[in-house]
Amino acid sequence: MSELFTPYMTLLILAGAAATYLTRIGGYLLISRLKSVPPRVDAALNAVPAAVLTTLVAPAFFSGGIDVKVAMAVSLAIGLGFSSIPMLIGGWIAVMIMRHLVG
């Protein structure tokens, strides 16, 4: 049997799925009971995507090589003027070129 499909790993995946579902449905139920969303809650909810993006990008930037840093800089430059699809394509092309050149 593979190490990926042990009973412990299956239980861990199911527990993670349950925790994710419960936190999401809990937030939905809490917000749905409010007649109107207070301005501070609205501001906090609007800040969540930036916080999540930062937690995903920052570790890769600081632990990655020069190829990752160049790709992120190219993606940032493209993202300032275009939508997310050109930004993703440009970052992907940049990292592929850097990995070909740098190794």
C-alpha atoms as a PDB file:
ATOM      1  CA  MET A   1       0.000   0.000   0.000  1.00  0.00           C
ATOM      2  CA  SER A   2       1.270   3.445  -0.874  1.00  0.00           C
ATOM      3  CA  GLU A   3       2.241   5.870   1.878  1.00  0.00           C
ATOM      4  CA  LEU A   4      -0.254   8.385   0.469  1.00  0.00           C
ATOM      5  CA  PHE A   5      -3.262   6.142   1.049  1.00  0.00           C
ATOM      6  CA  THR A   6      -2.832   5.067   4.649  1.00  0.00           C
ATOM      7  CA  PRO A   7      -5.868   5.143   6.952  1.00  0.00           C
ATOM      8  CA  TYR A   8      -4.210   7.966   8.904  1.00  0.00           C
ATOM      9  CA  MET A   9      -3.808  10.090   5.770  1.00  0.00           C
ATOM     10  CA  THR A  10      -7.401   9.437   4.724  1.00  0.00           C
ATOM     11  CA  LEU A  11      -8.632  10.476   8.163  1.00  0.00           C
ATOM     12  CA  LEU A  12      -6.472  13.607   8.025  1.00  0.00           C
ATOM     13  CA  ILE A  13      -7.906  14.590   4.627  1.00  0.00           C
ATOM     14  CA  LEU A  14     -11.469  14.013   5.822  1.00  0.00           C
ATOM     15  CA  ALA A  15     -10.866  16.031   9.000  1.00  0.00           C
ATOM     16  CA  GLY A  16      -9.410  18.894   6.955  1.00  0.00           C
ATOM     17  CA  ALA A  17     -12.380  18.806   4.594  1.00  0.00           C
ATOM     18  CA  ALA A  18     -14.823  18.846   7.519  1.00  0.00           C
ATOM     19  CA  ALA A  19     -13.015  21.744   9.207  1.00  0.00           C
ATOM     20  CA  THR A  20     -12.996  23.725   5.957  1.00  0.00           C
ATOM     21  CA  TYR A  21     -16.691  23.068   5.358  1.00  0.00           C
ATOM     22  CA  LEU A  22     -17.681  23.984   8.914  1.00  0.00           C
ATOM     23  CA  THR A  23     -15.763  27.269   8.887  1.00  0.00           C
ATOM     24  CA  ARG A  24     -17.235  28.261   5.531  1.00  0.00           C
ATOM     25  CA  ILE A  25     -20.819  27.345   6.377  1.00  0.00           C
ATOM     26  CA  GLY A  26     -20.430  28.973   9.809  1.00  0.00           C
ATOM     27  CA  GLY A  27     -19.395  32.268   8.252  1.00  0.00           C
ATOM     28  CA  TYR A  28     -22.244  32.092   5.775  1.00  0.00           C
ATOM     29  CA  LEU A  29     -24.807  31.382   8.488  1.00  0.00           C
ATOM     30  CA  LEU A  30     -23.463  34.202  10.653  1.00  0.00           C
ATOM     31  CA  ILE A  31     -23.581  36.776   7.848  1.00  0.00           C
ATOM     32  CA  SER A  32     -26.973  35.591   6.575  1.00  0.00           C
ATOM     33  CA  ARG A  33     -28.564  36.297   9.966  1.00  0.00           C
ATOM     34  CA  LEU A  34     -27.550  39.943   9.854  1.00  0.00           C
ATOM     35  CA  LYS A  35     -30.070  42.338   8.325  1.00  0.00           C
ATOM     36  CA  SER A  36     -27.234  44.531   7.087  1.00  0.00           C
ATOM     37  CA  VAL A  37     -23.498  44.053   7.201  1.00  0.00           C
ATOM     38  CA  PRO A  38     -21.774  46.587   9.469  1.00  0.00           C
ATOM     39  CA  PRO A  39     -19.161  48.755   7.707  1.00  0.00           C
ATOM     40  CA  ARG A  40     -16.277  47.351   9.752  1.00  0.00           C
ATOM     41  CA  VAL A  41     -17.253  43.775   8.902  1.00  0.00           C
ATOM     42  CA  ASP A  42     -17.575  44.732   5.240  1.00  0.00           C
ATOM     43  CA  ALA A  43     -14.099  46.322   5.310  1.00  0.00           C
ATOM     44  CA  ALA A  44     -12.640  43.238   6.996  1.00  0.00           C
ATOM     45  CA  LEU A  45     -14.218  40.906   4.431  1.00  0.00           C
ATOM     46  CA  ASN A  46     -12.905  43.063   1.592  1.00  0.00           C
ATOM     47  CA  ALA A  47      -9.377  42.753   3.026  1.00  0.00           C
ATOM     48  CA  VAL A  48      -9.411  38.933   3.056  1.00  0.00           C
ATOM     49  CA  PRO A  49      -8.362  38.340  -0.600  1.00  0.00           C
ATOM     50  CA  ALA A  50      -5.287  40.557  -0.220  1.00  0.00           C
ATOM     51  CA  ALA A  51      -4.324  38.793   3.005  1.00  0.00           C
ATOM     52  CA  VAL A  52      -4.682  35.359   1.428  1.00  0.00           C
ATOM     53  CA  LEU A  53      -2.700  36.411  -1.639  1.00  0.00           C
ATOM     54  CA  THR A  54       0.077  37.745   0.585  1.00  0.00           C
ATOM     55  CA  THR A  55       0.297  34.488   2.550  1.00  0.00           C
ATOM     56  CA  LEU A  56       0.625  32.551  -0.697  1.00  0.00           C
ATOM     57  CA  VAL A  57       3.081  34.821  -2.503  1.00  0.00           C
ATOM     58  CA  ALA A  58       5.440  36.033   0.233  1.00  0.00           C
ATOM     59  CA  PRO A  59       6.953  32.638   1.200  1.00  0.00           C
ATOM     60  CA  ALA A  60       7.547  31.747  -2.461  1.00  0.00           C
ATOM     61  CA  PHE A  61       9.195  35.117  -3.085  1.00  0.00           C
ATOM     62  CA  PHE A  62      11.582  34.866  -0.138  1.00  0.00           C
ATOM     63  CA  SER A  63      12.430  31.173  -0.476  1.00  0.00           C
ATOM     64  CA  GLY A  64      12.423  30.971  -4.285  1.00  0.00           C
ATOM     65  CA  GLY A  65      15.292  31.562  -6.605  1.00  0.00           C
ATOM     66  CA  ILE A  66      15.905  34.369  -9.058  1.00  0.00           C
ATOM     67  CA  ASP A  67      13.514  32.743 -11.547  1.00  0.00           C
ATOM     68  CA  VAL A  68      10.617  33.071  -9.107  1.00  0.00           C
ATOM     69  CA  LYS A  69      11.488  36.652  -8.223  1.00  0.00           C
ATOM     70  CA  VAL A  70      11.692  37.702 -11.889  1.00  0.00           C
ATOM     71  CA  ALA A  71       8.415  35.928 -12.694  1.00  0.00           C
ATOM     72  CA  MET A  72       6.675  37.683  -9.786  1.00  0.00           C
ATOM     73  CA  ALA A  73       8.043  41.058 -10.867  1.00  0.00           C
ATOM     74  CA  VAL A  74       6.867  40.467 -14.440  1.00  0.00           C
ATOM     75  CA  SER A  75       3.465  39.339 -13.158  1.00  0.00           C
ATOM     76  CA  LEU A  76       3.175  42.450 -11.014  1.00  0.00           C
ATOM     77  CA  ALA A  77       4.045  44.715 -13.930  1.00  0.00           C
ATOM     78  CA  ILE A  78       1.542  43.000 -16.226  1.00  0.00           C
ATOM     79  CA  GLY A  79      -1.106  42.880 -13.491  1.00  0.00           C
ATOM     80  CA  LEU A  80      -0.988  46.636 -13.054  1.00  0.00           C
ATOM     81  CA  GLY A  81      -2.283  47.134 -16.579  1.00  0.00           C
ATOM     82  CA  PHE A  82      -4.151  43.982 -17.526  1.00  0.00           C
ATOM     83  CA  SER A  83      -6.476  41.341 -16.080  1.00  0.00           C
ATOM     84  CA  SER A  84      -5.422  38.173 -14.302  1.00  0.00           C
ATOM     85  CA  ILE A  85      -5.171  35.880 -17.351  1.00  0.00           C
ATOM     86  CA  PRO A  86      -2.451  37.908 -19.137  1.00  0.00           C
ATOM     87  CA  MET A  87      -0.722  38.295 -15.769  1.00  0.00           C
ATOM     88  CA  LEU A  88      -0.662  34.512 -15.214  1.00  0.00           C
ATOM     89  CA  ILE A  89       0.503  33.824 -18.762  1.00  0.00           C
ATOM     90  CA  GLY A  90       3.239  36.472 -18.543  1.00  0.00           C
ATOM     91  CA  GLY A  91       4.474  35.144 -15.196  1.00  0.00           C
ATOM     92  CA  TRP A  92       4.499  31.599 -16.516  1.00  0.00           C
ATOM     93  CA  ILE A  93       6.444  32.609 -19.623  1.00  0.00           C
ATOM     94  CA  ALA A  94       8.908  34.600 -17.496  1.00  0.00           C
ATOM     95  CA  VAL A  95       9.602  31.722 -15.130  1.00  0.00           C
ATOM     96  CA  MET A  96      10.021  29.270 -18.019  1.00  0.00           C
ATOM     97  CA  ILE A  97      12.486  31.576 -19.761  1.00  0.00           C
ATOM     98  CA  MET A  98      14.417  32.177 -16.527  1.00  0.00           C
ATOM     99  CA  ARG A  99      14.569  28.468 -15.764  1.00  0.00           C
ATOM    100  CA  HIS A 100      15.851  27.784 -19.270  1.00  0.00           C
ATOM    101  CA  LEU A 101      18.505  30.506 -19.022  1.00  0.00           C
ATOM    102  CA  VAL A 102      19.564  30.086 -15.390  1.00  0.00           C
ATOM    103  CA  GLY A 103      18.982  26.374 -15.057  1.00  0.00           C
END
